[in-house]
C-alpha atoms as a PDB file:
ATOM      1  CA  MET A   1     -10.167   9.825 -14.484  1.00  0.00           C
ATOM      2  CA  PHE A   2     -11.419   6.473 -15.529  1.00  0.00           C
ATOM      3  CA  GLU A   3      -8.566   5.736 -17.662  1.00  0.00           C
ATOM      4  CA  ARG A   4      -6.050   6.858 -15.134  1.00  0.00           C
ATOM      5  CA  ALA A   5      -7.702   4.749 -12.351  1.00  0.00           C
ATOM      6  CA  ARG A   6      -7.761   1.667 -14.665  1.00  0.00           C
ATOM      7  CA  ASP A   7      -4.056   2.092 -15.612  1.00  0.00           C
ATOM      8  CA  TYR A   8      -2.977   2.292 -12.062  1.00  0.00           C
ATOM      9  CA  LEU A   9      -5.083  -0.631 -10.822  1.00  0.00           C
ATOM     10  CA  HIS A  10      -3.596  -2.726 -13.655  1.00  0.00           C
ATOM     11  CA  LYS A  11      -0.106  -1.679 -12.673  1.00  0.00           C
ATOM     12  CA  THR A  12      -0.603  -2.822  -9.103  1.00  0.00           C
ATOM     13  CA  GLY A  13      -0.846  -6.429 -10.412  1.00  0.00           C
ATOM     14  CA  ARG A  14      -3.869  -7.063  -8.046  1.00  0.00           C
ATOM     15  CA  PHE A  15      -6.796  -6.088 -10.344  1.00  0.00           C
ATOM     16  CA  ILE A  16      -8.210  -6.430 -13.951  1.00  0.00           C
ATOM     17  CA  VAL A  17     -10.772  -3.762 -14.511  1.00  0.00           C
ATOM     18  CA  ILE A  18     -13.762  -5.082 -16.445  1.00  0.00           C
ATOM     19  CA  GLY A  19     -15.887  -1.902 -16.639  1.00  0.00           C
ATOM     20  CA  GLY A  20     -16.526   1.680 -15.455  1.00  0.00           C
ATOM     21  CA  ILE A  21     -19.929   2.851 -14.461  1.00  0.00           C
ATOM     22  CA  VAL A  22     -21.009   6.514 -14.784  1.00  0.00           C
ATOM     23  CA  SER A  23     -23.924   7.127 -12.590  1.00  0.00           C
ATOM     24  CA  PRO A  24     -25.410  10.675 -12.801  1.00  0.00           C
ATOM     25  CA  VAL A  25     -27.065  11.952  -9.618  1.00  0.00           C
ATOM     26  CA  HIS A  26     -30.825  12.317  -9.107  1.00  0.00           C
ATOM     27  CA  ASP A  27     -32.508  15.504  -9.852  1.00  0.00           C
ATOM     28  CA  SER A  28     -33.612  15.952  -6.181  1.00  0.00           C
ATOM     29  CA  TYR A  29     -29.966  15.930  -5.058  1.00  0.00           C
ATOM     30  CA  GLY A  30     -30.363  19.682  -4.413  1.00  0.00           C
ATOM     31  CA  LYS A  31     -27.168  21.056  -5.918  1.00  0.00           C
ATOM     32  CA  GLN A  32     -27.572  24.721  -7.158  1.00  0.00           C
ATOM     33  CA  GLY A  33     -27.538  24.805 -10.961  1.00  0.00           C
ATOM     34  CA  LEU A  34     -27.996  21.250 -11.329  1.00  0.00           C
ATOM     35  CA  VAL A  35     -29.011  20.451 -14.967  1.00  0.00           C
ATOM     36  CA  SER A  36     -31.933  18.204 -15.557  1.00  0.00           C
ATOM     37  CA  SER A  37     -31.008  14.508 -15.472  1.00  0.00           C
ATOM     38  CA  ARG A  38     -32.336  13.988 -19.056  1.00  0.00           C
ATOM     39  CA  HIS A  39     -29.716  16.317 -20.312  1.00  0.00           C
ATOM     40  CA  ARG A  40     -26.927  15.118 -17.953  1.00  0.00           C
ATOM     41  CA  LEU A  41     -27.546  11.579 -19.069  1.00  0.00           C
ATOM     42  CA  ILE A  42     -27.317  12.426 -22.901  1.00  0.00           C
ATOM     43  CA  MET A  43     -24.117  14.314 -22.115  1.00  0.00           C
ATOM     44  CA  CYS A  44     -22.564  11.529 -20.388  1.00  0.00           C
ATOM     45  CA  GLN A  45     -23.547   9.080 -22.964  1.00  0.00           C
ATOM     46  CA  LEU A  46     -22.019  11.267 -25.721  1.00  0.00           C
ATOM     47  CA  ALA A  47     -18.846  11.511 -23.519  1.00  0.00           C
ATOM     48  CA  VAL A  48     -18.340   7.658 -23.431  1.00  0.00           C
ATOM     49  CA  GLN A  49     -19.804   6.714 -26.760  1.00  0.00           C
ATOM     50  CA  ASN A  50     -16.496   5.757 -28.038  1.00  0.00           C
ATOM     51  CA  SER A  51     -15.354   3.660 -24.930  1.00  0.00           C
ATOM     52  CA  ASP A  52     -15.522  -0.035 -25.019  1.00  0.00           C
ATOM     53  CA  TRP A  53     -15.573  -0.380 -21.261  1.00  0.00           C
ATOM     54  CA  ILE A  54     -17.085   2.807 -19.615  1.00  0.00           C
ATOM     55  CA  ARG A  55     -20.943   3.097 -19.755  1.00  0.00           C
ATOM     56  CA  VAL A  56     -23.591   5.359 -18.251  1.00  0.00           C
ATOM     57  CA  ASP A  57     -26.131   3.837 -15.917  1.00  0.00           C
ATOM     58  CA  PRO A  58     -29.491   5.709 -15.578  1.00  0.00           C
ATOM     59  CA  TRP A  59     -30.698   3.750 -12.513  1.00  0.00           C
ATOM     60  CA  GLU A  60     -29.967   6.474 -10.042  1.00  0.00           C
ATOM     61  CA  CYS A  61     -31.698   9.207 -12.196  1.00  0.00           C
ATOM     62  CA  TYR A  62     -34.798   7.032 -12.675  1.00  0.00           C
ATOM     63  CA  GLN A  63     -35.526   6.456  -8.916  1.00  0.00           C
ATOM     64  CA  ASP A  64     -38.293   8.302  -7.191  1.00  0.00           C
ATOM     65  CA  THR A  65     -35.958  10.371  -5.110  1.00  0.00           C
ATOM     66  CA  TRP A  66     -32.305  11.053  -4.601  1.00  0.00           C
ATOM     67  CA  GLN A  67     -30.216   7.932  -3.529  1.00  0.00           C
ATOM     68  CA  THR A  68     -27.199   7.986  -1.328  1.00  0.00           C
ATOM     69  CA  THR A  69     -23.810   6.962  -2.721  1.00  0.00           C
ATOM     70  CA  CYS A  70     -23.979   3.905  -0.350  1.00  0.00           C
ATOM     71  CA  SER A  71     -27.370   2.731  -1.875  1.00  0.00           C
ATOM     72  CA  VAL A  72     -26.088   3.121  -5.383  1.00  0.00           C
ATOM     73  CA  LEU A  73     -23.084   1.071  -4.689  1.00  0.00           C
ATOM     74  CA  GLU A  74     -25.150  -1.531  -2.978  1.00  0.00           C
ATOM     75  CA  HIS A  75     -27.538  -1.614  -5.929  1.00  0.00           C
ATOM     76  CA  HIS A  76     -24.766  -2.363  -8.389  1.00  0.00           C
ATOM     77  CA  ARG A  77     -23.241  -5.075  -6.056  1.00  0.00           C
ATOM     78  CA  ASP A  78     -26.591  -6.677  -5.823  1.00  0.00           C
ATOM     79  CA  LEU A  79     -27.219  -6.460  -9.519  1.00  0.00           C
ATOM     80  CA  MET A  80     -23.715  -8.029 -10.135  1.00  0.00           C
ATOM     81  CA  LYS A  81     -24.617 -10.833  -7.914  1.00  0.00           C
ATOM     82  CA  ARG A  82     -27.899 -11.671  -9.790  1.00  0.00           C
ATOM     83  CA  VAL A  83     -26.212 -11.255 -13.166  1.00  0.00           C
ATOM     84  CA  THR A  84     -22.932 -13.380 -12.470  1.00  0.00           C
ATOM     85  CA  GLY A  85     -24.177 -15.872  -9.711  1.00  0.00           C
ATOM     86  CA  CYS A  86     -20.801 -15.032  -8.086  1.00  0.00           C
ATOM     87  CA  ILE A  87     -20.191 -13.820  -4.473  1.00  0.00           C
ATOM     88  CA  LEU A  88     -18.804 -10.350  -4.633  1.00  0.00           C
ATOM     89  CA  SER A  89     -15.695  -9.793  -2.323  1.00  0.00           C
ATOM     90  CA  ASN A  90     -15.303  -6.841   0.134  1.00  0.00           C
ATOM     91  CA  VAL A  91     -12.123  -5.016  -0.063  1.00  0.00           C
ATOM     92  CA  ASN A  92     -11.846  -5.896   3.630  1.00  0.00           C
ATOM     93  CA  THR A  93     -10.831  -9.424   2.598  1.00  0.00           C
ATOM     94  CA  PRO A  94      -8.651  -8.808  -0.541  1.00  0.00           C
ATOM     95  CA  SER A  95      -6.663 -11.503  -2.351  1.00  0.00           C
ATOM     96  CA  MET A  96      -3.089 -10.923  -1.766  1.00  0.00           C
ATOM     97  CA  THR A  97      -2.149 -13.102  -4.826  1.00  0.00           C
ATOM     98  CA  PRO A  98      -0.982 -10.925  -7.760  1.00  0.00           C
ATOM     99  CA  VAL A  99      -3.020 -11.246 -11.039  1.00  0.00           C
ATOM    100  CA  ILE A 100      -0.805 -13.042 -13.581  1.00  0.00           C
ATOM    101  CA  GLY A 101      -1.292 -11.709 -17.122  1.00  0.00           C
ATOM    102  CA  GLN A 102      -2.349  -8.044 -17.374  1.00  0.00           C
ATOM    103  CA  PRO A 103      -3.867  -6.653 -20.514  1.00  0.00           C
ATOM    104  CA  ARG A 104      -1.489  -6.897 -23.471  1.00  0.00           C
ATOM    105  CA  ASN A 105      -1.572  -6.301 -27.314  1.00  0.00           C
ATOM    106  CA  GLU A 106      -1.015  -9.829 -28.465  1.00  0.00           C
ATOM    107  CA  THR A 107      -4.011 -12.381 -28.087  1.00  0.00           C
ATOM    108  CA  SER A 108      -3.762 -15.855 -26.926  1.00  0.00           C
ATOM    109  CA  GLN A 109      -6.717 -18.141 -26.258  1.00  0.00           C
ATOM    110  CA  PRO A 110      -6.500 -19.188 -22.597  1.00  0.00           C
ATOM    111  CA  ILE A 111      -7.253 -22.902 -21.659  1.00  0.00           C
ATOM    112  CA  TYR A 112      -9.721 -23.542 -18.894  1.00  0.00           C
ATOM    113  CA  GLN A 113      -9.377 -27.018 -17.155  1.00  0.00           C
ATOM    114  CA  ASN A 114     -12.739 -27.872 -15.437  1.00  0.00           C
ATOM    115  CA  ASN A 115     -12.213 -29.595 -12.277  1.00  0.00           C
ATOM    116  CA  ASN A 116     -15.430 -28.759 -10.850  1.00  0.00           C
ATOM    117  CA  ALA A 117     -18.596 -30.863 -10.444  1.00  0.00           C
ATOM    118  CA  PRO A 118     -21.000 -30.797 -13.498  1.00  0.00           C
ATOM    119  CA  SER A 119     -23.601 -28.920 -11.557  1.00  0.00           C
ATOM    120  CA  LYS A 120     -21.341 -26.108 -10.573  1.00  0.00           C
ATOM    121  CA  PRO A 121     -20.656 -23.151 -12.760  1.00  0.00           C
ATOM    122  CA  THR A 122     -16.954 -23.251 -14.175  1.00  0.00           C
ATOM    123  CA  ALA A 123     -14.763 -20.217 -14.540  1.00  0.00           C
ATOM    124  CA  ALA A 124     -15.137 -20.132 -18.240  1.00  0.00           C
ATOM    125  CA  LYS A 125     -18.932 -20.172 -17.860  1.00  0.00           C
ATOM    126  CA  ILE A 126     -18.981 -17.410 -15.253  1.00  0.00           C
ATOM    127  CA  LEU A 127     -16.562 -15.216 -17.409  1.00  0.00           C
ATOM    128  CA  GLY A 128     -18.693 -15.826 -20.467  1.00  0.00           C
ATOM    129  CA  LYS A 129     -21.832 -14.876 -18.457  1.00  0.00           C
ATOM    130  CA  VAL A 130     -20.195 -11.738 -17.162  1.00  0.00           C
ATOM    131  CA  GLY A 131     -19.185 -10.742 -20.751  1.00  0.00           C
ATOM    132  CA  GLU A 132     -22.668 -11.334 -22.013  1.00  0.00           C
ATOM    133  CA  SER A 133     -24.517  -9.751 -19.219  1.00  0.00           C
ATOM    134  CA  LEU A 134     -22.566  -6.737 -17.869  1.00  0.00           C
ATOM    135  CA  SER A 135     -23.784  -4.612 -20.707  1.00  0.00           C
ATOM    136  CA  ARG A 136     -27.163  -4.689 -18.887  1.00  0.00           C
ATOM    137  CA  ILE A 137     -25.653  -2.654 -16.121  1.00  0.00           C
ATOM    138  CA  CYS A 138     -23.684  -0.464 -18.434  1.00  0.00           C
ATOM    139  CA  CYS A 139     -20.383  -2.140 -17.878  1.00  0.00           C
ATOM    140  CA  VAL A 140     -18.436  -4.335 -20.320  1.00  0.00           C
ATOM    141  CA  ARG A 141     -15.061  -6.179 -20.247  1.00  0.00           C
ATOM    142  CA  PRO A 142     -12.528  -6.508 -23.078  1.00  0.00           C
ATOM    143  CA  PRO A 143     -12.437  -9.830 -24.883  1.00  0.00           C
ATOM    144  CA  VAL A 144     -11.389 -12.686 -22.658  1.00  0.00           C
ATOM    145  CA  GLU A 145      -8.549 -13.682 -25.073  1.00  0.00           C
ATOM    146  CA  ARG A 146      -6.557 -10.796 -23.922  1.00  0.00           C
ATOM    147  CA  PHE A 147      -6.323 -12.023 -20.304  1.00  0.00           C
ATOM    148  CA  THR A 148      -4.899 -14.888 -18.379  1.00  0.00           C
ATOM    149  CA  PHE A 149      -6.672 -15.063 -15.116  1.00  0.00           C
ATOM    150  CA  VAL A 150      -4.806 -16.635 -12.228  1.00  0.00           C
ATOM    151  CA  ALA A 151      -5.670 -16.352  -8.467  1.00  0.00           C
ATOM    152  CA  SER A 152      -4.547 -18.620  -5.559  1.00  0.00           C
ATOM    153  CA  LEU A 153      -3.370 -22.048  -6.847  1.00  0.00           C
ATOM    154  CA  ASP A 154      -3.348 -25.428  -5.201  1.00  0.00           C
ATOM    155  CA  GLU A 155      -0.680 -28.106  -5.818  1.00  0.00           C
ATOM    156  CA  ASN A 156      -2.534 -29.591  -8.667  1.00  0.00           C
ATOM    157  CA  ALA A 157      -3.029 -26.195 -10.635  1.00  0.00           C
ATOM    158  CA  ASN A 158      -1.106 -25.483 -13.859  1.00  0.00           C
ATOM    159  CA  LEU A 159       0.014 -21.877 -13.539  1.00  0.00           C
ATOM    160  CA  GLY A 160      -1.569 -19.710 -16.168  1.00  0.00           C
ATOM    161  CA  THR A 161      -4.277 -22.213 -17.281  1.00  0.00           C
ATOM    162  CA  VAL A 162      -6.546 -22.934 -14.329  1.00  0.00           C
ATOM    163  CA  MET A 163      -8.910 -20.758 -12.564  1.00  0.00           C
ATOM    164  CA  ARG A 164     -11.379 -22.216 -10.182  1.00  0.00           C
ATOM    165  CA  TYR A 165     -14.956 -20.906  -9.690  1.00  0.00           C
ATOM    166  CA  GLU A 166     -14.171 -20.071  -6.060  1.00  0.00           C
ATOM    167  CA  GLU A 167     -11.265 -17.813  -7.083  1.00  0.00           C
ATOM    168  CA  ILE A 168     -13.227 -15.437  -9.190  1.00  0.00           C
ATOM    169  CA  GLU A 169     -13.381 -12.050  -7.213  1.00  0.00           C
ATOM    170  CA  LEU A 170     -15.642  -9.319  -8.355  1.00  0.00           C
ATOM    171  CA  ARG A 171     -15.389  -5.972  -6.518  1.00  0.00           C
ATOM    172  CA  ILE A 172     -17.186  -2.605  -7.022  1.00  0.00           C
ATOM    173  CA  LEU A 173     -15.040   0.383  -6.077  1.00  0.00           C
ATOM    174  CA  LEU A 174     -16.071   4.002  -5.739  1.00  0.00           C
ATOM    175  CA  LEU A 175     -14.013   6.182  -8.181  1.00  0.00           C
ATOM    176  CA  CYS A 176     -13.708   9.802  -7.075  1.00  0.00           C
ATOM    177  CA  GLY A 177     -11.511  12.817  -6.792  1.00  0.00           C
ATOM    178  CA  SER A 178      -9.660  14.206  -3.799  1.00  0.00           C
ATOM    179  CA  ASP A 179     -12.322  16.821  -3.336  1.00  0.00           C
ATOM    180  CA  LEU A 180     -14.940  14.147  -2.553  1.00  0.00           C
ATOM    181  CA  LEU A 181     -12.728  12.277  -0.298  1.00  0.00           C
ATOM    182  CA  GLU A 182     -12.069  15.484   1.682  1.00  0.00           C
ATOM    183  CA  SER A 183     -15.974  15.878   2.042  1.00  0.00           C
ATOM    184  CA  PHE A 184     -15.775  12.893   4.203  1.00  0.00           C
ATOM    185  CA  CYS A 185     -14.041  14.949   6.807  1.00  0.00           C
ATOM    186  CA  ILE A 186     -16.928  17.532   7.033  1.00  0.00           C
ATOM    187  CA  PRO A 187     -18.918  16.912  10.136  1.00  0.00           C
ATOM    188  CA  GLY A 188     -22.505  16.001   9.546  1.00  0.00           C
ATOM    189  CA  LEU A 189     -22.251  15.821   5.689  1.00  0.00           C
ATOM    190  CA  TRP A 190     -22.004  12.036   5.449  1.00  0.00           C
ATOM    191  CA  ASN A 191     -23.878   9.482   7.427  1.00  0.00           C
ATOM    192  CA  GLU A 192     -21.208   7.630   9.412  1.00  0.00           C
ATOM    193  CA  ALA A 193     -22.822   4.253   8.910  1.00  0.00           C
ATOM    194  CA  ASP A 194     -22.681   4.812   5.161  1.00  0.00           C
ATOM    195  CA  MET A 195     -19.052   5.822   5.301  1.00  0.00           C
ATOM    196  CA  GLU A 196     -18.245   2.571   7.102  1.00  0.00           C
ATOM    197  CA  VAL A 197     -19.866   0.753   4.247  1.00  0.00           C
ATOM    198  CA  ILE A 198     -18.411   2.715   1.397  1.00  0.00           C
ATOM    199  CA  VAL A 199     -14.843   2.688   2.692  1.00  0.00           C
ATOM    200  CA  GLY A 200     -14.944  -0.465   4.760  1.00  0.00           C
ATOM    201  CA  ASP A 201     -16.934  -2.838   2.523  1.00  0.00           C
ATOM    202  CA  PHE A 202     -16.414  -1.487  -1.029  1.00  0.00           C
ATOM    203  CA  GLY A 203     -13.388   0.636  -1.001  1.00  0.00           C
ATOM    204  CA  ILE A 204     -12.229   3.858  -2.982  1.00  0.00           C
ATOM    205  CA  VAL A 205      -9.937   4.726  -5.713  1.00  0.00           C
ATOM    206  CA  VAL A 206      -8.979   8.376  -5.597  1.00  0.00           C
ATOM    207  CA  VAL A 207      -7.556  10.467  -8.524  1.00  0.00           C
ATOM    208  CA  PRO A 208      -6.121  13.426  -6.789  1.00  0.00           C
ATOM    209  CA  ARG A 209      -6.102  16.890  -8.065  1.00  0.00           C
ATOM    210  CA  ASP A 210      -2.593  18.495  -8.331  1.00  0.00           C
ATOM    211  CA  ALA A 211      -0.965  19.376  -4.933  1.00  0.00           C
ATOM    212  CA  ALA A 212      -3.708  17.507  -3.076  1.00  0.00           C
ATOM    213  CA  ASP A 213      -2.383  16.090   0.317  1.00  0.00           C
ATOM    214  CA  THR A 214      -4.489  12.778   0.437  1.00  0.00           C
ATOM    215  CA  ASP A 215      -2.480  11.609   3.493  1.00  0.00           C
ATOM    216  CA  ARG A 216      -3.502  14.742   5.347  1.00  0.00           C
ATOM    217  CA  ILE A 217      -7.146  14.294   4.254  1.00  0.00           C
ATOM    218  CA  MET A 218      -7.260  10.717   5.401  1.00  0.00           C
ATOM    219  CA  ASN A 219      -5.672  11.412   8.694  1.00  0.00           C
ATOM    220  CA  HIS A 220      -8.287  14.094   9.382  1.00  0.00           C
ATOM    221  CA  SER A 221     -11.097  11.492   9.459  1.00  0.00           C
ATOM    222  CA  SER A 222     -11.221   8.645  11.973  1.00  0.00           C
ATOM    223  CA  ILE A 223     -13.159   6.279   9.514  1.00  0.00           C
ATOM    224  CA  LEU A 224     -10.611   7.014   6.713  1.00  0.00           C
ATOM    225  CA  ARG A 225      -7.841   6.345   9.096  1.00  0.00           C
ATOM    226  CA  LYS A 226      -9.494   3.016  10.173  1.00  0.00           C
ATOM    227  CA  TYR A 227      -9.883   1.918   6.447  1.00  0.00           C
ATOM    228  CA  LYS A 228      -6.659   3.637   5.053  1.00  0.00           C
ATOM    229  CA  ASN A 229      -5.673   0.481   3.445  1.00  0.00           C
ATOM    230  CA  ASN A 230      -8.965   0.337   1.453  1.00  0.00           C
ATOM    231  CA  ILE A 231      -8.262   3.679  -0.098  1.00  0.00           C
ATOM    232  CA  MET A 232      -6.139   3.421  -3.282  1.00  0.00           C
ATOM    233  CA  VAL A 233      -4.630   6.788  -4.327  1.00  0.00           C
ATOM    234  CA  VAL A 234      -3.757   6.931  -8.089  1.00  0.00           C
ATOM    235  CA  LYS A 235       0.036   7.859  -8.303  1.00  0.00           C
ATOM    236  CA  ASP A 236       2.098   8.196 -11.429  1.00  0.00           C
ATOM    237  CA  ASP A 237       5.004  10.092 -12.644  1.00  0.00           C
ATOM    238  CA  ILE A 238       3.211  11.745 -15.533  1.00  0.00           C
ATOM    239  CA  ASN A 239       1.843  15.257 -15.260  1.00  0.00           C
ATOM    240  CA  HIS A 240      -1.841  15.088 -16.306  1.00  0.00           C
ATOM    241  CA  PRO A 241      -3.324  18.466 -17.256  1.00  0.00           C
ATOM    242  CA  MET A 242      -6.853  17.169 -16.726  1.00  0.00           C
ATOM    243  CA  SER A 243      -6.134  16.811 -12.901  1.00  0.00           C
ATOM    244  CA  VAL A 244      -6.402  20.651 -12.443  1.00  0.00           C
ATOM    245  CA  VAL A 245      -9.639  20.907 -14.431  1.00  0.00           C
ATOM    246  CA  SER A 246     -12.813  21.893 -12.549  1.00  0.00           C
ATOM    247  CA  SER A 247     -16.097  20.892 -14.179  1.00  0.00           C
ATOM    248  CA  THR A 248     -17.911  23.462 -12.178  1.00  0.00           C
ATOM    249  CA  LYS A 249     -15.490  26.357 -13.389  1.00  0.00           C
ATOM    250  CA  SER A 250     -15.751  25.072 -16.879  1.00  0.00           C
ATOM    251  CA  ARG A 251     -19.587  25.394 -16.710  1.00  0.00           C
ATOM    252  CA  LEU A 252     -19.607  28.818 -15.271  1.00  0.00           C
ATOM    253  CA  ALA A 253     -17.148  30.022 -17.941  1.00  0.00           C
ATOM    254  CA  LEU A 254     -19.380  28.428 -20.655  1.00  0.00           C
ATOM    255  CA  GLN A 255     -22.438  30.309 -19.163  1.00  0.00           C
ATOM    256  CA  HIS A 256     -20.454  33.572 -18.974  1.00  0.00           C
ATOM    257  CA  GLY A 257     -19.359  33.172 -22.697  1.00  0.00           C
ATOM    258  CA  ASP A 258     -15.696  32.789 -22.125  1.00  0.00           C
ATOM    259  CA  GLY A 259     -14.390  32.644 -25.749  1.00  0.00           C
ATOM    260  CA  HIS A 260     -11.466  30.213 -24.938  1.00  0.00           C
ATOM    261  CA  VAL A 261     -13.784  27.546 -23.253  1.00  0.00           C
ATOM    262  CA  VAL A 262     -16.585  27.934 -25.914  1.00  0.00           C
ATOM    263  CA  ASP A 263     -13.949  27.438 -28.745  1.00  0.00           C
ATOM    264  CA  TYR A 264     -12.397  24.458 -27.099  1.00  0.00           C
ATOM    265  CA  LEU A 265     -15.777  22.788 -26.433  1.00  0.00           C
ATOM    266  CA  SER A 266     -17.089  23.507 -29.836  1.00  0.00           C
ATOM    267  CA  GLN A 267     -14.296  21.645 -31.574  1.00  0.00           C
ATOM    268  CA  PRO A 268     -15.334  18.420 -33.211  1.00  0.00           C
ATOM    269  CA  PRO A 269     -14.422  15.188 -31.298  1.00  0.00           C
END
């Protein structure tokens, strides 16, 4: 899911994904059959141990009680503000300028021309700080050499070499499947004020299951319709078998001793 979402966001030309955060839910969430957070954290950490950009964050599990999705997003936004010193952008006010220079195999050292006052953080310093500090919140970015960052440019800018401090936009998006998106349409399940913040301020990236009609889902909710432009549905021409996998059904099959599932999960990585 993370990989598909990142690939899609990069292809849009509007985003460079610097990290993914897996945040296991608190034990008091109340879902039947929910395994202890201690075990879920370990399982998630094992699942992403070979990733250089996806990390597990235990903050939600370590709180005294269950946290709403909205509060978890706000926590990470506030933490990013403290770590980077940047103002994080809401998806309500996106940059319409395409990002020039998506990830590529070759490496080239970007040049940063500092036209800012000495007392003001430069783009290079901010990016360095992001790279050094995001590991604290379980989120890392690829080496800066792989990217050329360009946003809105003035007449004095040299395309491909300049990025001003004001042009750095950091956003936190909620990544989910179409089943969670559809849950927004269930009356009384979500707090409407939270939905406004989640969809209106942050934005959502949806990786749909096969045959999921995301347009129908969005048209079924007034809030989803209102912020339809803030919902990015991952679309591609490749048939991904994982899009039909249900983690709930997989766990039940494992509990019931389904031989095919047991054999598959027992294979070495």
